[in-house]
C-alpha atoms as a PDB file:
ATOM      1  CA  UNK A   1       0.050   0.166  -0.012  1.00  0.00           C
ATOM      2  CA  UNK A   2       1.438   3.290  -1.031  1.00  0.00           C
ATOM      3  CA  UNK A   3       1.567   6.160   1.701  1.00  0.00           C
ATOM      4  CA  UNK A   4      -0.754   9.231   0.706  1.00  0.00           C
ATOM      5  CA  UNK A   5       2.110  11.633   1.080  1.00  0.00           C
ATOM      6  CA  UNK A   6       3.656   9.515  -1.742  1.00  0.00           C
ATOM      7  CA  UNK A   7       3.536  10.488  -5.429  1.00  0.00           C
ATOM      8  CA  UNK A   8       3.224   7.656  -7.758  1.00  0.00           C
ATOM      9  CA  UNK A   9       4.938   8.409 -11.039  1.00  0.00           C
ATOM     10  CA  UNK A  10       4.051   6.228 -13.919  1.00  0.00           C
ATOM     11  CA  UNK A  11       6.428   5.190 -16.873  1.00  0.00           C
ATOM     12  CA  UNK A  12       5.011   2.713 -19.893  1.00  0.00           C
ATOM     13  CA  UNK A  13       7.335  -0.218 -20.531  1.00  0.00           C
ATOM     14  CA  UNK A  14       5.009  -0.860 -23.430  1.00  0.00           C
ATOM     15  CA  UNK A  15       5.408   0.477 -26.942  1.00  0.00           C
ATOM     16  CA  UNK A  16       3.880   3.521 -27.345  1.00  0.00           C
ATOM     17  CA  UNK A  17       3.062   5.586 -30.584  1.00  0.00           C
ATOM     18  CA  UNK A  18       3.465   9.230 -30.623  1.00  0.00           C
ATOM     19  CA  UNK A  19       3.044  11.932 -32.997  1.00  0.00           C
ATOM     20  CA  UNK A  20       4.452  15.196 -34.241  1.00  0.00           C
ATOM     21  CA  UNK A  21       1.897  16.313 -36.898  1.00  0.00           C
ATOM     22  CA  UNK A  22       0.223  19.461 -37.852  1.00  0.00           C
ATOM     23  CA  UNK A  23      -3.341  18.137 -37.416  1.00  0.00           C
ATOM     24  CA  UNK A  24      -4.318  17.042 -33.704  1.00  0.00           C
ATOM     25  CA  UNK A  25      -3.564  12.992 -33.850  1.00  0.00           C
ATOM     26  CA  UNK A  26      -2.648  10.769 -30.987  1.00  0.00           C
ATOM     27  CA  UNK A  27      -0.678  12.438 -28.270  1.00  0.00           C
ATOM     28  CA  UNK A  28       0.030  15.618 -30.634  1.00  0.00           C
ATOM     29  CA  UNK A  29      -2.862  17.688 -29.347  1.00  0.00           C
ATOM     30  CA  UNK A  30      -1.752  21.018 -31.247  1.00  0.00           C
ATOM     31  CA  UNK A  31       0.478  21.731 -34.198  1.00  0.00           C
ATOM     32  CA  UNK A  32       3.720  19.817 -33.627  1.00  0.00           C
ATOM     33  CA  UNK A  33       5.117  19.715 -37.237  1.00  0.00           C
ATOM     34  CA  UNK A  34       8.312  21.267 -37.945  1.00  0.00           C
ATOM     35  CA  UNK A  35      10.690  22.399 -40.388  1.00  0.00           C
ATOM     36  CA  UNK A  36      13.978  21.153 -41.627  1.00  0.00           C
ATOM     37  CA  UNK A  37      16.491  21.695 -44.383  1.00  0.00           C
ATOM     38  CA  UNK A  38      17.452  19.339 -47.021  1.00  0.00           C
ATOM     39  CA  UNK A  39      21.350  19.462 -48.079  1.00  0.00           C
ATOM     40  CA  UNK A  40      20.563  21.831 -50.812  1.00  0.00           C
ATOM     41  CA  UNK A  41      19.137  24.012 -48.037  1.00  0.00           C
ATOM     42  CA  UNK A  42      15.412  23.387 -49.112  1.00  0.00           C
ATOM     43  CA  UNK A  43      12.944  24.079 -46.182  1.00  0.00           C
ATOM     44  CA  UNK A  44      10.696  21.050 -45.472  1.00  0.00           C
ATOM     45  CA  UNK A  45       7.660  21.157 -43.293  1.00  0.00           C
ATOM     46  CA  UNK A  46       7.547  17.609 -41.564  1.00  0.00           C
ATOM     47  CA  UNK A  47       4.973  15.472 -40.086  1.00  0.00           C
ATOM     48  CA  UNK A  48       6.172  12.403 -38.412  1.00  0.00           C
ATOM     49  CA  UNK A  49       5.252   9.471 -36.375  1.00  0.00           C
ATOM     50  CA  UNK A  50       7.362   7.012 -34.237  1.00  0.00           C
ATOM     51  CA  UNK A  51       7.288   4.466 -31.189  1.00  0.00           C
ATOM     52  CA  UNK A  52       9.038   4.640 -27.987  1.00  0.00           C
ATOM     53  CA  UNK A  53       9.212   2.743 -24.605  1.00  0.00           C
ATOM     54  CA  UNK A  54      10.979   3.068 -21.337  1.00  0.00           C
ATOM     55  CA  UNK A  55      13.403   0.236 -20.671  1.00  0.00           C
ATOM     56  CA  UNK A  56      11.865  -1.892 -17.900  1.00  0.00           C
ATOM     57  CA  UNK A  57      15.191  -2.550 -16.189  1.00  0.00           C
ATOM     58  CA  UNK A  58      15.916   1.319 -16.833  1.00  0.00           C
ATOM     59  CA  UNK A  59      12.927   2.768 -14.824  1.00  0.00           C
ATOM     60  CA  UNK A  60      14.260   3.744 -11.945  1.00  0.00           C
ATOM     61  CA  UNK A  61      17.394   5.339 -13.603  1.00  0.00           C
ATOM     62  CA  UNK A  62      15.106   7.480 -15.832  1.00  0.00           C
ATOM     63  CA  UNK A  63      13.079   8.473 -12.760  1.00  0.00           C
ATOM     64  CA  UNK A  64      16.241   9.743 -11.266  1.00  0.00           C
ATOM     65  CA  UNK A  65      17.620  11.255 -14.419  1.00  0.00           C
ATOM     66  CA  UNK A  66      14.495  13.137 -15.273  1.00  0.00           C
ATOM     67  CA  UNK A  67      13.893  14.337 -11.493  1.00  0.00           C
ATOM     68  CA  UNK A  68      10.614  12.387 -11.004  1.00  0.00           C
ATOM     69  CA  UNK A  69       9.246  13.366 -13.658  1.00  0.00           C
ATOM     70  CA  UNK A  70       6.348  11.158 -15.037  1.00  0.00           C
ATOM     71  CA  UNK A  71       6.646   9.051 -18.527  1.00  0.00           C
ATOM     72  CA  UNK A  72       4.197  11.816 -20.575  1.00  0.00           C
ATOM     73  CA  UNK A  73       6.237  14.566 -19.019  1.00  0.00           C
ATOM     74  CA  UNK A  74       9.513  13.151 -20.234  1.00  0.00           C
ATOM     75  CA  UNK A  75       8.152  12.318 -23.624  1.00  0.00           C
ATOM     76  CA  UNK A  76       6.674  15.896 -23.997  1.00  0.00           C
ATOM     77  CA  UNK A  77       9.620  17.711 -22.743  1.00  0.00           C
ATOM     78  CA  UNK A  78      12.514  15.460 -23.665  1.00  0.00           C
ATOM     79  CA  UNK A  79      11.731  12.778 -26.322  1.00  0.00           C
ATOM     80  CA  UNK A  80       9.756  15.067 -28.447  1.00  0.00           C
ATOM     81  CA  UNK A  81      12.178  17.928 -28.760  1.00  0.00           C
ATOM     82  CA  UNK A  82      14.988  15.565 -29.348  1.00  0.00           C
ATOM     83  CA  UNK A  83      13.483  13.922 -31.895  1.00  0.00           C
ATOM     84  CA  UNK A  84      12.948  17.196 -33.787  1.00  0.00           C
ATOM     85  CA  UNK A  85      16.406  18.475 -33.264  1.00  0.00           C
ATOM     86  CA  UNK A  86      18.056  15.069 -34.435  1.00  0.00           C
ATOM     87  CA  UNK A  87      15.491  14.438 -37.107  1.00  0.00           C
ATOM     88  CA  UNK A  88      17.084  17.784 -38.749  1.00  0.00           C
ATOM     89  CA  UNK A  89      20.475  16.496 -38.424  1.00  0.00           C
ATOM     90  CA  UNK A  90      19.286  13.492 -40.579  1.00  0.00           C
ATOM     91  CA  UNK A  91      17.228  15.283 -43.040  1.00  0.00           C
ATOM     92  CA  UNK A  92      19.854  17.745 -43.858  1.00  0.00           C
ATOM     93  CA  UNK A  93      21.917  14.667 -45.324  1.00  0.00           C
ATOM     94  CA  UNK A  94      19.605  14.157 -48.210  1.00  0.00           C
ATOM     95  CA  UNK A  95      18.531  16.184 -51.413  1.00  0.00           C
ATOM     96  CA  UNK A  96      14.742  17.145 -51.180  1.00  0.00           C
ATOM     97  CA  UNK A  97      13.911  15.135 -54.114  1.00  0.00           C
ATOM     98  CA  UNK A  98      15.323  11.960 -52.549  1.00  0.00           C
ATOM     99  CA  UNK A  99      13.336  12.814 -49.308  1.00  0.00           C
ATOM    100  CA  UNK A 100      10.005  13.344 -51.491  1.00  0.00           C
ATOM    101  CA  UNK A 101      10.987  10.163 -53.852  1.00  0.00           C
ATOM    102  CA  UNK A 102      12.828   7.234 -53.990  1.00  0.00           C
ATOM    103  CA  UNK A 103      14.860   7.482 -51.063  1.00  0.00           C
ATOM    104  CA  UNK A 104      12.059   8.203 -48.326  1.00  0.00           C
ATOM    105  CA  UNK A 105      11.881   4.542 -47.110  1.00  0.00           C
ATOM    106  CA  UNK A 106      16.170   4.880 -46.989  1.00  0.00           C
ATOM    107  CA  UNK A 107      15.498   7.901 -44.857  1.00  0.00           C
ATOM    108  CA  UNK A 108      12.780   6.738 -42.413  1.00  0.00           C
ATOM    109  CA  UNK A 109      15.355   3.733 -42.086  1.00  0.00           C
ATOM    110  CA  UNK A 110      18.335   6.120 -41.222  1.00  0.00           C
ATOM    111  CA  UNK A 111      16.049   8.083 -38.805  1.00  0.00           C
ATOM    112  CA  UNK A 112      14.978   5.218 -36.741  1.00  0.00           C
ATOM    113  CA  UNK A 113      18.461   4.015 -36.490  1.00  0.00           C
ATOM    114  CA  UNK A 114      20.240   7.350 -35.661  1.00  0.00           C
ATOM    115  CA  UNK A 115      17.399   7.961 -33.244  1.00  0.00           C
ATOM    116  CA  UNK A 116      17.395   4.495 -31.511  1.00  0.00           C
ATOM    117  CA  UNK A 117      20.950   5.183 -30.932  1.00  0.00           C
ATOM    118  CA  UNK A 118      20.920   8.485 -29.546  1.00  0.00           C
ATOM    119  CA  UNK A 119      18.074   7.905 -26.892  1.00  0.00           C
ATOM    120  CA  UNK A 120      19.760   4.506 -25.868  1.00  0.00           C
ATOM    121  CA  UNK A 121      21.811   5.898 -23.168  1.00  0.00           C
ATOM    122  CA  UNK A 122      18.690   7.430 -21.578  1.00  0.00           C
ATOM    123  CA  UNK A 123      16.982   4.034 -21.154  1.00  0.00           C
ATOM    124  CA  UNK A 124      14.359   4.736 -23.926  1.00  0.00           C
ATOM    125  CA  UNK A 125      13.781   2.894 -27.044  1.00  0.00           C
ATOM    126  CA  UNK A 126      12.905   4.474 -30.169  1.00  0.00           C
ATOM    127  CA  UNK A 127      11.514   2.319 -33.128  1.00  0.00           C
ATOM    128  CA  UNK A 128       9.167   2.848 -36.271  1.00  0.00           C
ATOM    129  CA  UNK A 129      10.407   6.428 -37.062  1.00  0.00           C
ATOM    130  CA  UNK A 130       8.311   7.625 -40.283  1.00  0.00           C
ATOM    131  CA  UNK A 131       7.901  10.788 -42.181  1.00  0.00           C
ATOM    132  CA  UNK A 132       4.262  10.807 -42.822  1.00  0.00           C
ATOM    133  CA  UNK A 133       3.921  13.999 -44.452  1.00  0.00           C
ATOM    134  CA  UNK A 134       6.242  16.639 -46.310  1.00  0.00           C
ATOM    135  CA  UNK A 135       5.532  19.982 -47.318  1.00  0.00           C
ATOM    136  CA  UNK A 136       7.844  22.034 -49.638  1.00  0.00           C
ATOM    137  CA  UNK A 137       7.182  25.532 -51.474  1.00  0.00           C
ATOM    138  CA  UNK A 138       5.469  25.334 -54.805  1.00  0.00           C
ATOM    139  CA  UNK A 139       8.477  26.159 -56.706  1.00  0.00           C
ATOM    140  CA  UNK A 140      10.564  23.508 -55.324  1.00  0.00           C
ATOM    141  CA  UNK A 141       7.455  20.929 -55.648  1.00  0.00           C
ATOM    142  CA  UNK A 142       7.190  22.124 -59.561  1.00  0.00           C
ATOM    143  CA  UNK A 143      11.173  21.600 -59.836  1.00  0.00           C
ATOM    144  CA  UNK A 144      10.753  18.099 -58.415  1.00  0.00           C
ATOM    145  CA  UNK A 145       7.915  17.187 -60.391  1.00  0.00           C
ATOM    146  CA  UNK A 146      10.051  18.696 -63.480  1.00  0.00           C
ATOM    147  CA  UNK A 147      12.764  16.413 -62.537  1.00  0.00           C
ATOM    148  CA  UNK A 148      10.765  12.940 -61.759  1.00  0.00           C
ATOM    149  CA  UNK A 149       9.048  13.489 -65.294  1.00  0.00           C
ATOM    150  CA  UNK A 150      12.273  13.947 -67.206  1.00  0.00           C
ATOM    151  CA  UNK A 151      13.805  10.906 -65.626  1.00  0.00           C
ATOM    152  CA  UNK A 152      10.482   8.725 -66.391  1.00  0.00           C
ATOM    153  CA  UNK A 153      10.971   9.983 -69.940  1.00  0.00           C
ATOM    154  CA  UNK A 154      14.486   9.153 -70.247  1.00  0.00           C
ATOM    155  CA  UNK A 155      13.940   5.830 -68.575  1.00  0.00           C
ATOM    156  CA  UNK A 156      10.864   5.263 -71.127  1.00  0.00           C
ATOM    157  CA  UNK A 157      13.350   6.352 -73.989  1.00  0.00           C
ATOM    158  CA  UNK A 158      16.168   3.932 -72.859  1.00  0.00           C
ATOM    159  CA  UNK A 159      13.529   0.946 -72.710  1.00  0.00           C
ATOM    160  CA  UNK A 160      12.475   2.029 -76.336  1.00  0.00           C
ATOM    161  CA  UNK A 161      16.065   2.240 -77.631  1.00  0.00           C
ATOM    162  CA  UNK A 162      16.866  -1.204 -76.136  1.00  0.00           C
ATOM    163  CA  UNK A 163      13.884  -2.614 -77.881  1.00  0.00           C
ATOM    164  CA  UNK A 164      14.921  -1.452 -80.892  1.00  0.00           C
ATOM    165  CA  UNK A 165      18.449  -2.897 -80.705  1.00  0.00           C
ATOM    166  CA  UNK A 166      17.144  -6.196 -79.536  1.00  0.00           C
ATOM    167  CA  UNK A 167      14.977  -6.441 -82.626  1.00  0.00           C
ATOM    168  CA  UNK A 168      17.712  -5.294 -84.973  1.00  0.00           C
ATOM    169  CA  UNK A 169      19.684  -8.147 -83.376  1.00  0.00           C
ATOM    170  CA  UNK A 170      16.741 -10.702 -83.702  1.00  0.00           C
ATOM    171  CA  UNK A 171      16.464  -9.336 -87.092  1.00  0.00           C
ATOM    172  CA  UNK A 172      20.175  -9.687 -88.210  1.00  0.00           C
ATOM    173  CA  UNK A 173      20.216 -13.438 -86.502  1.00  0.00           C
ATOM    174  CA  UNK A 174      17.092 -14.394 -88.413  1.00  0.00           C
ATOM    175  CA  UNK A 175      18.837 -12.937 -91.722  1.00  0.00           C
ATOM    176  CA  UNK A 176      22.316 -15.214 -90.870  1.00  0.00           C
ATOM    177  CA  UNK A 177      20.336 -18.385 -90.014  1.00  0.00           C
ATOM    178  CA  UNK A 178      18.431 -17.833 -93.419  1.00  0.00           C
ATOM    179  CA  UNK A 179      21.789 -17.227 -95.232  1.00  0.00           C
ATOM    180  CA  UNK A 180      23.335 -20.202 -93.582  1.00  0.00           C
ATOM    181  CA  UNK A 181      20.664 -22.612 -94.386  1.00  0.00           C
ATOM    182  CA  UNK A 182      20.621 -21.493 -98.086  1.00  0.00           C
ATOM    183  CA  UNK A 183      24.229 -21.847 -98.378  1.00  0.00           C
ATOM    184  CA  UNK A 184      24.070 -25.246 -96.596  1.00  0.00           C
ATOM    185  CA  UNK A 185      21.364 -26.142 -99.034  1.00  0.00           C
ATOM    186  CA  UNK A 186      23.406 -24.809-101.957  1.00  0.00           C
ATOM    187  CA  UNK A 187      26.596 -27.137-100.806  1.00  0.00           C
ATOM    188  CA  UNK A 188      24.461 -30.141-100.453  1.00  0.00           C
ATOM    189  CA  UNK A 189      22.802 -29.687-103.732  1.00  0.00           C
ATOM    190  CA  UNK A 190      26.637 -29.337-105.219  1.00  0.00           C
ATOM    191  CA  UNK A 191      27.854 -32.317-103.177  1.00  0.00           C
ATOM    192  CA  UNK A 192      25.400 -34.335-104.576  1.00  0.00           C
ATOM    193  CA  UNK A 193      25.530 -33.443-108.030  1.00  0.00           C
ATOM    194  CA  UNK A 194      29.354 -34.011-107.660  1.00  0.00           C
ATOM    195  CA  UNK A 195      28.951 -37.412-106.056  1.00  0.00           C
ATOM    196  CA  UNK A 196      26.521 -38.227-109.273  1.00  0.00           C
ATOM    197  CA  UNK A 197      28.888 -36.913-111.735  1.00  0.00           C
ATOM    198  CA  UNK A 198      31.828 -38.821-110.284  1.00  0.00           C
ATOM    199  CA  UNK A 199      29.852 -42.289-109.906  1.00  0.00           C
ATOM    200  CA  UNK A 200      28.629 -42.019-113.575  1.00  0.00           C
ATOM    201  CA  UNK A 201      32.304 -41.106-114.624  1.00  0.00           C
ATOM    202  CA  UNK A 202      33.670 -43.985-112.499  1.00  0.00           C
ATOM    203  CA  UNK A 203      30.870 -46.157-114.392  1.00  0.00           C
ATOM    204  CA  UNK A 204      32.132 -45.598-118.178  1.00  0.00           C
ATOM    205  CA  UNK A 205      35.097 -48.425-118.094  1.00  0.00           C
ATOM    206  CA  UNK A 206      36.987 -49.745-121.257  1.00  0.00           C
ATOM    207  CA  UNK A 207      34.724 -52.783-120.944  1.00  0.00           C
ATOM    208  CA  UNK A 208      31.811 -50.660-121.183  1.00  0.00           C
ATOM    209  CA  UNK A 209      33.454 -48.561-124.055  1.00  0.00           C
ATOM    210  CA  UNK A 210      33.977 -51.880-126.184  1.00  0.00           C
ATOM    211  CA  UNK A 211      30.594 -52.941-125.227  1.00  0.00           C
ATOM    212  CA  UNK A 212      28.788 -50.221-126.652  1.00  0.00           C
ATOM    213  CA  UNK A 213      31.319 -50.342-129.690  1.00  0.00           C
ATOM    214  CA  UNK A 214      30.451 -53.890-130.480  1.00  0.00           C
ATOM    215  CA  UNK A 215      26.873 -52.829-130.302  1.00  0.00           C
ATOM    216  CA  UNK A 216      27.174 -49.898-132.579  1.00  0.00           C
ATOM    217  CA  UNK A 217      29.139 -52.200-135.230  1.00  0.00           C
ATOM    218  CA  UNK A 218      26.292 -54.690-135.242  1.00  0.00           C
ATOM    219  CA  UNK A 219      23.546 -52.052-135.753  1.00  0.00           C
ATOM    220  CA  UNK A 220      25.403 -49.267-137.970  1.00  0.00           C
ATOM    221  CA  UNK A 221      28.619 -50.951-139.263  1.00  0.00           C
ATOM    222  CA  UNK A 222      32.084 -49.842-138.298  1.00  0.00           C
ATOM    223  CA  UNK A 223      31.993 -46.934-135.739  1.00  0.00           C
ATOM    224  CA  UNK A 224      34.458 -45.328-133.514  1.00  0.00           C
ATOM    225  CA  UNK A 225      33.615 -44.195-130.011  1.00  0.00           C
ATOM    226  CA  UNK A 226      35.604 -41.668-128.648  1.00  0.00           C
ATOM    227  CA  UNK A 227      36.233 -40.772-125.013  1.00  0.00           C
ATOM    228  CA  UNK A 228      34.153 -41.256-121.772  1.00  0.00           C
ATOM    229  CA  UNK A 229      31.251 -39.035-123.158  1.00  0.00           C
ATOM    230  CA  UNK A 230      30.708 -41.948-125.577  1.00  0.00           C
ATOM    231  CA  UNK A 231      30.890 -39.803-128.905  1.00  0.00           C
ATOM    232  CA  UNK A 232      29.914 -41.998-131.575  1.00  0.00           C
ATOM    233  CA  UNK A 233      31.797 -41.427-135.049  1.00  0.00           C
ATOM    234  CA  UNK A 234      30.610 -43.378-137.921  1.00  0.00           C
ATOM    235  CA  UNK A 235      33.929 -44.205-140.368  1.00  0.00           C
ATOM    236  CA  UNK A 236      33.396 -43.988-144.203  1.00  0.00           C
END
């Protein structure tokens, strides 16, 4: 039983969600969004959310360090102001186009790791840091949109160029294959003709010539057969 004169301070050791947003959300009862600068010095207005919890084995140290403040006071007076301050340090490493575009997930990861490390010595665990809304001035937004459009067009052109190259290579390969097939067919035909001629030439022997000569004499009288082409000359 707690004595009536003893003040009890409460610290959550469960995971709590906290917000720093323009609109009222969760524990953000007023406009708690904040400004930060990109690596180019561009101003950004940021809404952010994160999770935190007090380490169970460090609660007594937290109580002593923060002079008896309760968990919500520590959150509002220490955690949130330092979340803002240390987030600005991370944001300053990135270009505004990366923060708003393809690098957003990497920025969130970098924020989570950096803030978790910063709060570690205070017995506080920070996780799941996420930029949920980022606002820039109209001129910067238009410049970013123009850059994104140019990148998309360049990527589309790159794909089209590669498609044309691939088609040209495929067409050339087809032509090469057809030419090789035609050449092979002509070679096969020539080889077949040569074999046939050789076979025919080999078949004309002296015995065959004499036989043809004898047959011609019987039919036409005295003749002379000259050469392998069987030219028959009738003698007068």
